[in-house]
Amino acid sequence: MITDNKKDRIDAIVEYKNWNRLFDAITISACVGSAKSSEIIFSKTLSDIALKADECVFIDNNHKNLTIPESMGMNTIYFDDIKRDMTALENSLIELGIKMQKSF
């Protein structure tokens, strides 16, 4: 997970929702000194999880945040957080070959 949210907020959510079981790494822009508008935060995360860009999926609710990871070779998915269409998100992940477990 890559986020531009504040560290204390993310730490609280991660603990409350037990997101450590869902994400191999949680990279917070303030801790890295790089936002989603730079390759740095994505490169750091790829290094932390020891995967290639094409082995990862980046989901964001802002089209502009998909540009950098897509240029690096990541699979990207736009998630409209107003519509909150979880079925469409699930279908996009399945199209990428990701097996889904209902955990939400």
N, C-alpha and C. Protein backbone atom coordinates (compact mmCIF):
# COMPACT_ATOMS: atom_id res chain seq x y z
N MET A 1 0.84 -1.16 0.00
CA MET A 1 0.00 0.00 0.00
C MET A 1 0.89 1.23 0.00
N ILE A 2 0.53 2.17 -0.84
CA ILE A 2 1.23 3.45 -0.91
C ILE A 2 0.21 4.53 -0.63
N THR A 3 0.53 5.42 0.30
CA THR A 3 -0.43 6.44 0.69
C THR A 3 0.24 7.78 0.93
N ASP A 4 -0.53 8.84 0.65
CA ASP A 4 -0.10 10.21 0.97
C ASP A 4 -0.74 10.69 2.27
N ASN A 5 -1.45 9.81 2.96
CA ASN A 5 -2.07 10.18 4.23
C ASN A 5 -1.02 10.39 5.31
N LYS A 6 -1.41 11.01 6.39
CA LYS A 6 -0.51 11.25 7.52
C LYS A 6 -0.21 9.94 8.23
N LYS A 7 1.03 9.84 8.72
CA LYS A 7 1.49 8.61 9.34
C LYS A 7 0.63 8.19 10.54
N ASP A 8 0.32 9.10 11.43
CA ASP A 8 -0.45 8.72 12.61
C ASP A 8 -1.84 8.22 12.23
N ARG A 9 -2.43 8.80 11.21
CA ARG A 9 -3.75 8.36 10.75
C ARG A 9 -3.67 6.95 10.17
N ILE A 10 -2.69 6.73 9.31
CA ILE A 10 -2.53 5.40 8.70
C ILE A 10 -2.19 4.36 9.75
N ASP A 11 -1.30 4.70 10.68
CA ASP A 11 -0.95 3.75 11.74
C ASP A 11 -2.19 3.30 12.51
N ALA A 12 -3.07 4.25 12.82
CA ALA A 12 -4.29 3.92 13.56
C ALA A 12 -5.22 3.03 12.74
N ILE A 13 -5.37 3.36 11.45
CA ILE A 13 -6.24 2.56 10.57
C ILE A 13 -5.67 1.16 10.38
N VAL A 14 -4.37 1.08 10.15
CA VAL A 14 -3.72 -0.23 9.95
C VAL A 14 -3.94 -1.12 11.17
N GLU A 15 -3.77 -0.54 12.35
CA GLU A 15 -3.97 -1.32 13.57
C GLU A 15 -5.44 -1.72 13.74
N TYR A 16 -6.35 -0.77 13.56
CA TYR A 16 -7.77 -1.03 13.74
C TYR A 16 -8.32 -2.05 12.74
N LYS A 17 -7.90 -1.93 11.48
CA LYS A 17 -8.40 -2.81 10.41
C LYS A 17 -7.53 -4.04 10.18
N ASN A 18 -6.40 -4.13 10.91
CA ASN A 18 -5.48 -5.25 10.75
C ASN A 18 -4.96 -5.37 9.31
N TRP A 19 -4.64 -4.22 8.71
CA TRP A 19 -4.20 -4.21 7.32
C TRP A 19 -2.83 -4.83 7.10
N ASN A 20 -2.07 -5.06 8.15
CA ASN A 20 -0.77 -5.72 7.96
C ASN A 20 -0.92 -7.11 7.38
N ARG A 21 -2.09 -7.72 7.57
CA ARG A 21 -2.33 -9.05 6.99
C ARG A 21 -2.69 -8.95 5.52
N LEU A 22 -3.08 -7.77 5.04
CA LEU A 22 -3.47 -7.59 3.64
C LEU A 22 -2.34 -7.08 2.75
N PHE A 23 -1.43 -6.30 3.33
CA PHE A 23 -0.40 -5.65 2.53
C PHE A 23 0.99 -6.11 2.95
N ASP A 24 1.82 -6.42 1.96
CA ASP A 24 3.20 -6.82 2.23
C ASP A 24 4.04 -5.65 2.71
N ALA A 25 3.67 -4.46 2.29
CA ALA A 25 4.36 -3.23 2.71
C ALA A 25 3.35 -2.10 2.73
N ILE A 26 3.54 -1.19 3.67
CA ILE A 26 2.73 0.03 3.73
C ILE A 26 3.70 1.18 3.72
N THR A 27 3.70 1.91 2.60
CA THR A 27 4.65 3.01 2.42
C THR A 27 3.89 4.33 2.53
N ILE A 28 4.34 5.16 3.46
CA ILE A 28 3.70 6.45 3.72
C ILE A 28 4.61 7.54 3.17
N SER A 29 4.04 8.39 2.32
CA SER A 29 4.84 9.40 1.62
C SER A 29 5.66 10.26 2.57
N ALA A 30 5.10 10.65 3.70
CA ALA A 30 5.83 11.51 4.64
C ALA A 30 7.07 10.81 5.20
N CYS A 31 7.03 9.50 5.31
CA CYS A 31 8.17 8.74 5.82
C CYS A 31 9.26 8.55 4.78
N VAL A 32 8.87 8.61 3.51
CA VAL A 32 9.81 8.39 2.41
C VAL A 32 10.31 9.71 1.85
N GLY A 33 9.55 10.77 2.07
CA GLY A 33 9.90 12.08 1.50
C GLY A 33 9.57 12.16 0.03
N SER A 34 8.55 11.43 -0.39
CA SER A 34 8.14 11.40 -1.79
C SER A 34 6.65 11.14 -1.86
N ALA A 35 5.98 11.86 -2.74
CA ALA A 35 4.55 11.66 -2.95
C ALA A 35 4.32 10.71 -4.12
N LYS A 36 3.05 10.42 -4.40
CA LYS A 36 2.70 9.55 -5.51
C LYS A 36 2.99 10.18 -6.87
N SER A 37 3.41 11.42 -6.88
CA SER A 37 3.76 12.10 -8.12
C SER A 37 5.22 11.85 -8.51
N SER A 38 5.90 10.98 -7.80
CA SER A 38 7.31 10.67 -8.06
C SER A 38 7.53 9.16 -8.05
N GLU A 39 8.50 8.72 -8.84
CA GLU A 39 8.83 7.29 -8.88
C GLU A 39 9.43 6.81 -7.56
N ILE A 40 9.99 7.72 -6.78
CA ILE A 40 10.73 7.34 -5.58
C ILE A 40 9.89 6.47 -4.64
N ILE A 41 8.67 6.88 -4.36
CA ILE A 41 7.84 6.12 -3.41
C ILE A 41 7.49 4.74 -3.95
N PHE A 42 7.30 4.63 -5.26
CA PHE A 42 7.00 3.34 -5.87
C PHE A 42 8.24 2.44 -5.91
N SER A 43 9.38 3.02 -6.24
CA SER A 43 10.63 2.26 -6.26
C SER A 43 10.98 1.74 -4.87
N LYS A 44 10.77 2.56 -3.85
CA LYS A 44 11.03 2.15 -2.47
C LYS A 44 10.14 0.97 -2.10
N THR A 45 8.88 1.05 -2.45
CA THR A 45 7.95 -0.03 -2.12
C THR A 45 8.32 -1.31 -2.86
N LEU A 46 8.64 -1.19 -4.14
CA LEU A 46 9.06 -2.37 -4.90
C LEU A 46 10.30 -3.01 -4.29
N SER A 47 11.23 -2.19 -3.85
CA SER A 47 12.43 -2.70 -3.19
C SER A 47 12.08 -3.41 -1.89
N ASP A 48 11.18 -2.82 -1.11
CA ASP A 48 10.78 -3.41 0.18
C ASP A 48 10.12 -4.77 0.01
N ILE A 49 9.36 -4.95 -1.05
CA ILE A 49 8.64 -6.22 -1.24
C ILE A 49 9.34 -7.16 -2.22
N ALA A 50 10.46 -6.68 -2.79
CA ALA A 50 11.29 -7.50 -3.70
C ALA A 50 10.48 -8.06 -4.87
N LEU A 51 9.69 -7.19 -5.48
CA LEU A 51 8.92 -7.57 -6.66
C LEU A 51 9.20 -6.61 -7.80
N LYS A 52 8.91 -7.08 -9.01
CA LYS A 52 9.00 -6.22 -10.19
C LYS A 52 7.69 -5.46 -10.33
N ALA A 53 7.76 -4.34 -11.01
CA ALA A 53 6.57 -3.50 -11.18
C ALA A 53 5.41 -4.27 -11.81
N ASP A 54 5.69 -5.11 -12.81
CA ASP A 54 4.61 -5.82 -13.50
C ASP A 54 3.98 -6.92 -12.65
N GLU A 55 4.54 -7.17 -11.48
CA GLU A 55 3.97 -8.16 -10.56
C GLU A 55 3.05 -7.51 -9.52
N CYS A 56 2.84 -6.20 -9.67
CA CYS A 56 2.08 -5.44 -8.68
C CYS A 56 0.87 -4.76 -9.29
N VAL A 57 -0.08 -4.44 -8.43
CA VAL A 57 -1.27 -3.69 -8.82
C VAL A 57 -1.33 -2.45 -7.94
N PHE A 58 -1.54 -1.31 -8.57
CA PHE A 58 -1.73 -0.06 -7.83
C PHE A 58 -3.13 0.45 -8.12
N ILE A 59 -3.90 0.65 -7.08
CA ILE A 59 -5.28 1.11 -7.18
C ILE A 59 -5.34 2.50 -6.56
N ASP A 60 -5.98 3.44 -7.26
CA ASP A 60 -6.08 4.79 -6.71
C ASP A 60 -7.39 5.43 -7.17
N ASN A 61 -7.85 6.40 -6.40
CA ASN A 61 -9.09 7.10 -6.73
C ASN A 61 -8.83 8.41 -7.47
N ASN A 62 -7.59 8.60 -7.92
CA ASN A 62 -7.22 9.80 -8.67
C ASN A 62 -6.44 9.36 -9.91
N HIS A 63 -6.98 9.68 -11.08
CA HIS A 63 -6.33 9.25 -12.33
C HIS A 63 -4.87 9.69 -12.41
N LYS A 64 -4.56 10.89 -11.94
CA LYS A 64 -3.19 11.40 -12.08
C LYS A 64 -2.20 10.57 -11.26
N ASN A 65 -2.67 9.92 -10.20
CA ASN A 65 -1.77 9.08 -9.40
C ASN A 65 -1.45 7.74 -10.05
N LEU A 66 -2.12 7.43 -11.15
CA LEU A 66 -1.86 6.17 -11.86
C LEU A 66 -0.76 6.32 -12.91
N THR A 67 -0.43 7.55 -13.26
CA THR A 67 0.52 7.81 -14.35
C THR A 67 1.91 7.24 -14.07
N ILE A 68 2.48 7.55 -12.93
CA ILE A 68 3.85 7.11 -12.60
C ILE A 68 3.93 5.59 -12.48
N PRO A 69 3.08 4.94 -11.68
CA PRO A 69 3.20 3.47 -11.59
C PRO A 69 2.96 2.78 -12.93
N GLU A 70 2.04 3.31 -13.72
CA GLU A 70 1.79 2.73 -15.03
C GLU A 70 3.03 2.86 -15.92
N SER A 71 3.70 4.01 -15.86
CA SER A 71 4.91 4.21 -16.67
C SER A 71 6.05 3.29 -16.23
N MET A 72 5.99 2.83 -14.98
CA MET A 72 7.00 1.91 -14.44
C MET A 72 6.66 0.46 -14.76
N GLY A 73 5.47 0.21 -15.32
CA GLY A 73 5.08 -1.15 -15.69
C GLY A 73 4.11 -1.80 -14.73
N MET A 74 3.62 -1.07 -13.73
CA MET A 74 2.65 -1.64 -12.80
C MET A 74 1.29 -1.73 -13.46
N ASN A 75 0.53 -2.71 -13.04
CA ASN A 75 -0.88 -2.78 -13.39
C ASN A 75 -1.58 -1.72 -12.55
N THR A 76 -2.45 -0.94 -13.16
CA THR A 76 -3.14 0.11 -12.42
C THR A 76 -4.65 -0.01 -12.60
N ILE A 77 -5.36 0.38 -11.57
CA ILE A 77 -6.83 0.36 -11.60
C ILE A 77 -7.31 1.66 -10.98
N TYR A 78 -8.21 2.33 -11.69
CA TYR A 78 -8.87 3.50 -11.13
C TYR A 78 -10.09 3.03 -10.34
N PHE A 79 -10.20 3.49 -9.10
CA PHE A 79 -11.34 3.17 -8.27
C PHE A 79 -12.09 4.45 -7.96
N ASP A 80 -13.31 4.53 -8.44
CA ASP A 80 -14.14 5.71 -8.22
C ASP A 80 -14.71 5.63 -6.80
N ASP A 81 -14.15 6.45 -5.90
CA ASP A 81 -14.57 6.34 -4.51
C ASP A 81 -15.94 6.97 -4.24
N ILE A 82 -16.52 7.62 -5.23
CA ILE A 82 -17.88 8.11 -5.08
C ILE A 82 -18.87 6.99 -5.40
N LYS A 83 -18.62 6.28 -6.49
CA LYS A 83 -19.49 5.15 -6.86
C LYS A 83 -19.27 3.95 -5.95
N ARG A 84 -18.04 3.76 -5.50
CA ARG A 84 -17.67 2.64 -4.62
C ARG A 84 -18.14 1.29 -5.18
N ASP A 85 -17.91 1.09 -6.46
CA ASP A 85 -18.35 -0.12 -7.14
C ASP A 85 -17.36 -1.25 -6.88
N MET A 86 -17.59 -1.97 -5.80
CA MET A 86 -16.69 -3.04 -5.41
C MET A 86 -16.70 -4.20 -6.40
N THR A 87 -17.83 -4.43 -7.05
CA THR A 87 -17.90 -5.49 -8.05
C THR A 87 -17.00 -5.17 -9.23
N ALA A 88 -17.01 -3.92 -9.68
CA ALA A 88 -16.13 -3.52 -10.79
C ALA A 88 -14.67 -3.65 -10.38
N LEU A 89 -14.33 -3.27 -9.15
CA LEU A 89 -12.96 -3.42 -8.66
C LEU A 89 -12.56 -4.89 -8.63
N GLU A 90 -13.43 -5.71 -8.09
CA GLU A 90 -13.16 -7.14 -8.03
C GLU A 90 -12.97 -7.71 -9.44
N ASN A 91 -13.81 -7.32 -10.38
CA ASN A 91 -13.69 -7.80 -11.76
C ASN A 91 -12.37 -7.35 -12.39
N SER A 92 -11.96 -6.13 -12.11
CA SER A 92 -10.67 -5.64 -12.64
C SER A 92 -9.52 -6.47 -12.10
N LEU A 93 -9.58 -6.81 -10.83
CA LEU A 93 -8.53 -7.64 -10.23
C LEU A 93 -8.55 -9.05 -10.81
N ILE A 94 -9.73 -9.60 -10.99
CA ILE A 94 -9.85 -10.95 -11.57
C ILE A 94 -9.30 -10.95 -13.00
N GLU A 95 -9.57 -9.89 -13.76
CA GLU A 95 -9.03 -9.78 -15.13
C GLU A 95 -7.51 -9.81 -15.14
N LEU A 96 -6.90 -9.36 -14.06
CA LEU A 96 -5.44 -9.39 -13.94
C LEU A 96 -4.93 -10.74 -13.45
N GLY A 97 -5.86 -11.65 -13.19
CA GLY A 97 -5.47 -12.98 -12.74
C GLY A 97 -5.32 -13.11 -11.24
N ILE A 98 -5.86 -12.17 -10.51
CA ILE A 98 -5.76 -12.19 -9.05
C ILE A 98 -6.95 -12.95 -8.48
N LYS A 99 -6.64 -13.94 -7.67
CA LYS A 99 -7.70 -14.71 -7.03
C LYS A 99 -8.21 -13.93 -5.83
N MET A 100 -9.50 -13.86 -5.73
CA MET A 100 -10.13 -13.04 -4.70
C MET A 100 -10.62 -13.89 -3.53
N GLN A 101 -10.41 -13.36 -2.33
CA GLN A 101 -10.99 -13.91 -1.11
C GLN A 101 -11.85 -12.81 -0.53
N LYS A 102 -13.01 -13.14 -0.13
CA LYS A 102 -13.89 -12.15 0.50
C LYS A 102 -13.38 -11.86 1.90
N SER A 103 -12.85 -10.67 2.08
CA SER A 103 -12.35 -10.31 3.41
C SER A 103 -12.92 -8.98 3.87
N PHE A 104 -13.84 -8.41 3.06
CA PHE A 104 -14.43 -7.14 3.46
C PHE A 104 -15.93 -7.24 3.45
